[in-house]
N, C-alpha and C. Protein backbone atom coordinates (compact mmCIF):
# COMPACT_ATOMS: atom_id res chain seq x y z
N MET A 1 75.37 112.81 108.63
CA MET A 1 75.82 112.39 109.94
C MET A 1 76.95 113.30 110.40
N ILE A 2 76.99 113.62 111.68
CA ILE A 2 78.00 114.51 112.23
C ILE A 2 79.30 113.74 112.46
N ASP A 3 80.39 114.33 112.00
CA ASP A 3 81.71 113.74 112.22
C ASP A 3 82.23 114.27 113.56
N LEU A 4 82.16 113.46 114.60
CA LEU A 4 82.55 113.88 115.94
C LEU A 4 84.02 114.26 116.03
N ALA A 5 84.84 113.72 115.17
CA ALA A 5 86.27 114.04 115.18
C ALA A 5 86.53 115.50 114.81
N LYS A 6 85.60 116.12 114.08
CA LYS A 6 85.76 117.52 113.66
C LYS A 6 85.28 118.51 114.73
N ILE A 7 84.64 118.04 115.76
CA ILE A 7 84.14 118.92 116.81
C ILE A 7 85.25 119.14 117.82
N SER A 8 85.56 120.41 118.08
CA SER A 8 86.63 120.71 119.03
C SER A 8 86.03 121.11 120.38
N GLY A 9 86.84 120.99 121.42
CA GLY A 9 86.40 121.40 122.74
C GLY A 9 85.93 120.26 123.61
N PHE A 10 85.78 119.09 123.04
CA PHE A 10 85.34 117.93 123.81
C PHE A 10 86.27 116.76 123.56
N ASP A 11 86.41 115.94 124.59
CA ASP A 11 87.20 114.74 124.47
C ASP A 11 86.19 113.59 124.36
N TRP A 12 86.07 112.97 123.20
CA TRP A 12 85.05 111.95 122.98
C TRP A 12 85.54 110.57 123.40
N ASP A 13 86.10 110.47 124.62
CA ASP A 13 86.54 109.17 125.11
C ASP A 13 85.33 108.37 125.62
N ARG A 14 85.57 107.15 126.08
CA ARG A 14 84.48 106.27 126.52
C ARG A 14 83.69 106.96 127.63
N ALA A 15 82.49 107.42 127.28
CA ALA A 15 81.56 108.08 128.19
C ALA A 15 82.19 109.28 128.87
N ASN A 16 83.23 109.84 128.23
CA ASN A 16 83.90 111.02 128.77
C ASN A 16 84.38 110.78 130.20
N ALA A 17 84.89 109.58 130.46
CA ALA A 17 85.20 109.10 131.81
C ALA A 17 86.24 109.93 132.55
N ARG A 18 87.20 110.52 131.83
CA ARG A 18 88.27 111.26 132.52
C ARG A 18 87.97 112.75 132.65
N LYS A 19 86.75 113.16 132.47
CA LYS A 19 86.42 114.58 132.47
C LYS A 19 86.75 115.25 133.80
N ASN A 20 86.60 114.54 134.91
CA ASN A 20 86.87 115.15 136.22
C ASN A 20 88.33 115.56 136.35
N GLU A 21 89.24 114.65 135.99
CA GLU A 21 90.67 114.97 136.08
C GLU A 21 91.04 116.09 135.11
N LYS A 22 90.55 115.99 133.91
CA LYS A 22 90.90 116.95 132.87
C LYS A 22 90.47 118.37 133.25
N HIS A 23 89.30 118.48 133.85
CA HIS A 23 88.74 119.80 134.16
C HIS A 23 88.90 120.16 135.63
N ASP A 24 89.67 119.35 136.38
CA ASP A 24 89.93 119.60 137.79
C ASP A 24 88.63 119.80 138.57
N VAL A 25 87.73 118.81 138.41
CA VAL A 25 86.42 118.84 139.07
C VAL A 25 86.29 117.58 139.91
N SER A 26 85.79 117.73 141.14
CA SER A 26 85.59 116.55 141.98
C SER A 26 84.35 115.79 141.52
N SER A 27 84.25 114.52 141.90
CA SER A 27 83.08 113.73 141.50
C SER A 27 81.80 114.29 142.12
N ALA A 28 81.92 114.93 143.28
CA ALA A 28 80.75 115.52 143.92
C ALA A 28 80.23 116.72 143.13
N GLU A 29 81.10 117.33 142.31
CA GLU A 29 80.70 118.50 141.53
C GLU A 29 80.21 118.14 140.13
N SER A 30 80.27 116.89 139.76
CA SER A 30 79.86 116.50 138.42
C SER A 30 78.93 115.30 138.47
N GLU A 31 78.18 115.15 137.41
CA GLU A 31 77.30 114.00 137.30
C GLU A 31 78.05 112.85 136.65
N PRO A 32 77.82 111.63 137.09
CA PRO A 32 78.46 110.50 136.41
C PRO A 32 77.84 110.31 135.02
N VAL A 33 78.62 109.82 134.10
CA VAL A 33 78.16 109.56 132.74
C VAL A 33 78.25 108.06 132.49
N PHE A 34 77.19 107.48 131.92
CA PHE A 34 77.12 106.04 131.73
C PHE A 34 76.93 105.72 130.26
N SER A 35 77.47 104.59 129.86
CA SER A 35 77.32 104.19 128.47
C SER A 35 76.13 103.24 128.29
N SER A 36 75.53 102.79 129.39
CA SER A 36 74.35 101.92 129.28
C SER A 36 73.53 102.02 130.57
N GLU A 37 72.30 101.61 130.47
CA GLU A 37 71.42 101.60 131.64
C GLU A 37 71.93 100.59 132.67
N ALA A 38 72.45 99.48 132.22
CA ALA A 38 72.98 98.46 133.14
C ALA A 38 74.16 99.02 133.93
N GLU A 39 75.02 99.77 133.26
CA GLU A 39 76.16 100.38 133.93
C GLU A 39 75.69 101.39 134.98
N GLU A 40 74.67 102.17 134.64
CA GLU A 40 74.13 103.15 135.58
C GLU A 40 73.51 102.45 136.79
N ARG A 41 72.73 101.39 136.53
CA ARG A 41 72.10 100.63 137.62
C ARG A 41 73.15 100.09 138.58
N LYS A 42 74.23 99.52 138.03
CA LYS A 42 75.30 98.96 138.86
C LYS A 42 75.96 100.06 139.71
N PHE A 43 76.15 101.24 139.12
CA PHE A 43 76.77 102.36 139.83
C PHE A 43 75.90 102.78 141.02
N TRP A 44 74.59 102.99 140.78
CA TRP A 44 73.72 103.51 141.85
C TRP A 44 73.44 102.47 142.93
N GLU A 45 73.70 101.21 142.66
CA GLU A 45 73.57 100.19 143.70
C GLU A 45 74.63 100.35 144.79
N THR A 46 75.74 100.99 144.45
CA THR A 46 76.85 101.11 145.40
C THR A 46 77.18 102.56 145.75
N HIS A 47 76.42 103.53 145.24
CA HIS A 47 76.70 104.94 145.51
C HIS A 47 75.45 105.64 146.04
N ASP A 48 75.65 106.70 146.79
CA ASP A 48 74.56 107.48 147.36
C ASP A 48 74.34 108.73 146.52
N SER A 49 73.10 108.97 146.12
CA SER A 49 72.81 110.13 145.27
C SER A 49 73.11 111.45 145.96
N SER A 50 73.13 111.48 147.29
CA SER A 50 73.42 112.74 147.98
C SER A 50 74.85 113.20 147.76
N ASP A 51 75.72 112.33 147.27
CA ASP A 51 77.08 112.74 146.91
C ASP A 51 77.10 113.52 145.60
N TYR A 52 76.02 113.45 144.84
CA TYR A 52 75.97 114.06 143.51
C TYR A 52 74.86 115.10 143.36
N VAL A 53 73.88 115.05 144.25
CA VAL A 53 72.74 115.95 144.15
C VAL A 53 72.54 116.64 145.50
N ASP A 54 72.33 117.94 145.47
CA ASP A 54 72.03 118.68 146.69
C ASP A 54 70.51 118.67 146.86
N TRP A 55 70.02 117.72 147.63
CA TRP A 55 68.58 117.53 147.78
C TRP A 55 67.91 118.68 148.52
N THR A 56 68.70 119.54 149.21
CA THR A 56 68.10 120.70 149.88
C THR A 56 67.61 121.73 148.85
N LYS A 57 68.11 121.64 147.63
CA LYS A 57 67.69 122.56 146.58
C LYS A 57 66.57 121.97 145.71
N ALA A 58 66.15 120.77 146.05
CA ALA A 58 65.10 120.11 145.25
C ALA A 58 63.77 120.83 145.44
N ARG A 59 62.96 120.83 144.39
CA ARG A 59 61.63 121.43 144.44
C ARG A 59 60.59 120.36 144.17
N LYS A 60 59.46 120.47 144.85
CA LYS A 60 58.36 119.55 144.58
C LYS A 60 57.67 119.96 143.29
N ILE A 61 57.30 118.97 142.51
CA ILE A 61 56.54 119.24 141.30
C ILE A 61 55.31 118.34 141.30
N VAL A 62 54.33 118.72 140.54
CA VAL A 62 53.12 117.92 140.40
C VAL A 62 53.08 117.35 138.99
N LEU A 63 53.03 116.05 138.90
CA LEU A 63 52.90 115.38 137.60
C LEU A 63 51.43 115.07 137.41
N GLN A 64 50.74 115.98 136.74
CA GLN A 64 49.29 115.96 136.69
C GLN A 64 48.70 114.80 135.92
N ASN A 65 49.40 114.28 134.96
CA ASN A 65 48.82 113.25 134.10
C ASN A 65 49.09 111.82 134.58
N LEU A 66 49.71 111.67 135.75
CA LEU A 66 49.98 110.33 136.25
C LEU A 66 48.73 109.75 136.91
N LYS A 67 48.51 108.50 136.69
CA LYS A 67 47.39 107.82 137.31
C LYS A 67 47.96 106.83 138.33
N PRO A 68 47.32 106.72 139.50
CA PRO A 68 47.83 105.74 140.47
C PRO A 68 47.71 104.33 139.92
N THR A 69 48.64 103.50 140.31
CA THR A 69 48.60 102.10 139.90
C THR A 69 47.41 101.42 140.55
N THR A 70 46.68 100.67 139.79
CA THR A 70 45.53 99.96 140.33
C THR A 70 45.72 98.46 140.18
N LYS A 71 45.03 97.74 141.00
CA LYS A 71 45.09 96.28 140.99
C LYS A 71 43.66 95.77 140.97
N THR A 72 43.37 94.89 140.05
CA THR A 72 42.05 94.29 139.98
C THR A 72 41.90 93.23 141.06
N ILE A 73 40.78 93.31 141.79
CA ILE A 73 40.51 92.32 142.83
C ILE A 73 39.13 91.72 142.61
N SER A 74 38.91 90.60 143.23
CA SER A 74 37.60 89.96 143.22
C SER A 74 37.04 90.04 144.63
N LEU A 75 35.83 90.57 144.75
CA LEU A 75 35.22 90.76 146.06
C LEU A 75 33.81 90.18 146.03
N ARG A 76 33.55 89.25 146.90
CA ARG A 76 32.22 88.65 146.97
C ARG A 76 31.37 89.43 147.95
N LEU A 77 30.23 89.92 147.46
CA LEU A 77 29.29 90.68 148.29
C LEU A 77 27.93 90.02 148.21
N PRO A 78 27.16 90.10 149.29
CA PRO A 78 25.78 89.61 149.20
C PRO A 78 25.02 90.43 148.14
N GLN A 79 24.16 89.79 147.41
CA GLN A 79 23.45 90.45 146.30
C GLN A 79 22.71 91.70 146.77
N HIS A 80 22.06 91.64 147.94
CA HIS A 80 21.30 92.80 148.42
C HIS A 80 22.22 93.99 148.71
N LEU A 81 23.44 93.71 149.20
CA LEU A 81 24.39 94.79 149.45
C LEU A 81 24.85 95.42 148.14
N LEU A 82 25.17 94.60 147.15
CA LEU A 82 25.58 95.11 145.85
C LEU A 82 24.46 95.93 145.21
N ASP A 83 23.23 95.46 145.33
CA ASP A 83 22.08 96.21 144.79
C ASP A 83 21.95 97.57 145.47
N SER A 84 22.14 97.61 146.78
CA SER A 84 22.06 98.88 147.52
C SER A 84 23.16 99.83 147.09
N ILE A 85 24.35 99.31 146.87
CA ILE A 85 25.47 100.14 146.42
C ILE A 85 25.17 100.70 145.03
N LYS A 86 24.62 99.88 144.16
CA LYS A 86 24.30 100.33 142.81
C LYS A 86 23.23 101.42 142.83
N VAL A 87 22.24 101.30 143.70
CA VAL A 87 21.20 102.32 143.83
C VAL A 87 21.82 103.63 144.31
N ALA A 88 22.70 103.55 145.32
CA ALA A 88 23.37 104.75 145.84
C ALA A 88 24.25 105.39 144.77
N ALA A 89 24.95 104.58 143.99
CA ALA A 89 25.80 105.10 142.92
C ALA A 89 24.96 105.75 141.84
N ASN A 90 23.85 105.13 141.48
CA ASN A 90 22.96 105.68 140.46
C ASN A 90 22.41 107.03 140.91
N ALA A 91 22.07 107.16 142.20
CA ALA A 91 21.55 108.41 142.73
C ALA A 91 22.59 109.52 142.63
N ARG A 92 23.86 109.15 142.70
CA ARG A 92 24.96 110.13 142.61
C ARG A 92 25.50 110.27 141.19
N ASP A 93 24.98 109.46 140.27
CA ASP A 93 25.38 109.45 138.87
C ASP A 93 26.88 109.14 138.71
N VAL A 94 27.31 108.11 139.44
CA VAL A 94 28.70 107.65 139.33
C VAL A 94 28.69 106.13 139.19
N PRO A 95 29.72 105.54 138.61
CA PRO A 95 29.81 104.08 138.54
C PRO A 95 29.91 103.49 139.96
N TYR A 96 29.28 102.36 140.16
CA TYR A 96 29.26 101.80 141.51
C TYR A 96 30.65 101.42 142.02
N GLN A 97 31.53 100.97 141.09
CA GLN A 97 32.90 100.64 141.53
C GLN A 97 33.62 101.89 142.04
N SER A 98 33.39 103.02 141.38
CA SER A 98 34.01 104.28 141.82
C SER A 98 33.48 104.69 143.19
N LEU A 99 32.20 104.50 143.41
CA LEU A 99 31.62 104.84 144.71
C LEU A 99 32.20 103.95 145.82
N ILE A 100 32.37 102.69 145.53
CA ILE A 100 32.98 101.78 146.51
C ILE A 100 34.39 102.26 146.85
N LYS A 101 35.18 102.67 145.83
CA LYS A 101 36.53 103.16 146.08
C LYS A 101 36.52 104.42 146.94
N VAL A 102 35.60 105.33 146.67
CA VAL A 102 35.50 106.56 147.46
C VAL A 102 35.15 106.22 148.90
N TRP A 103 34.17 105.34 149.10
CA TRP A 103 33.77 104.96 150.46
C TRP A 103 34.92 104.29 151.21
N LEU A 104 35.66 103.42 150.54
CA LEU A 104 36.81 102.76 151.19
C LEU A 104 37.88 103.78 151.57
N GLN A 105 38.15 104.72 150.66
CA GLN A 105 39.15 105.76 150.94
C GLN A 105 38.71 106.62 152.13
N GLU A 106 37.44 107.01 152.16
CA GLU A 106 36.94 107.83 153.27
C GLU A 106 37.02 107.07 154.59
N LYS A 107 36.66 105.81 154.57
CA LYS A 107 36.70 105.00 155.79
C LYS A 107 38.15 104.82 156.27
N LEU A 108 39.05 104.60 155.33
CA LEU A 108 40.46 104.39 155.66
C LEU A 108 41.05 105.63 156.30
N HIS A 109 40.66 106.81 155.81
CA HIS A 109 41.22 108.06 156.32
C HIS A 109 40.34 108.71 157.38
N GLY A 110 39.32 108.02 157.82
CA GLY A 110 38.49 108.48 158.93
C GLY A 110 37.61 109.68 158.61
N LEU A 111 37.20 109.82 157.37
CA LEU A 111 36.34 110.96 157.02
C LEU A 111 34.89 110.62 157.19
């Protein structure tokens, strides 16, 4: 285990709370440090992130492995309509539920 008392150059106070004064740095120039998630949550409820982050320098990224949140629903359809959807899905070699989602998305976006 590392003996933190032997490490020089850092002040190991509670969450390094006085670092701004010690290093003559404004709060806008430094990130806040929290000792717990609850403490961080309480802080961000009363502070604006734009005081700490320059959002004009932010870059868009793509998180490729994320899946959209889905919700299971129950939908009553006439049997003949469901049969027709299944035939159309089979012709396209896709699951019928997936085909219904594609059709709903296309209709919603006017395609």
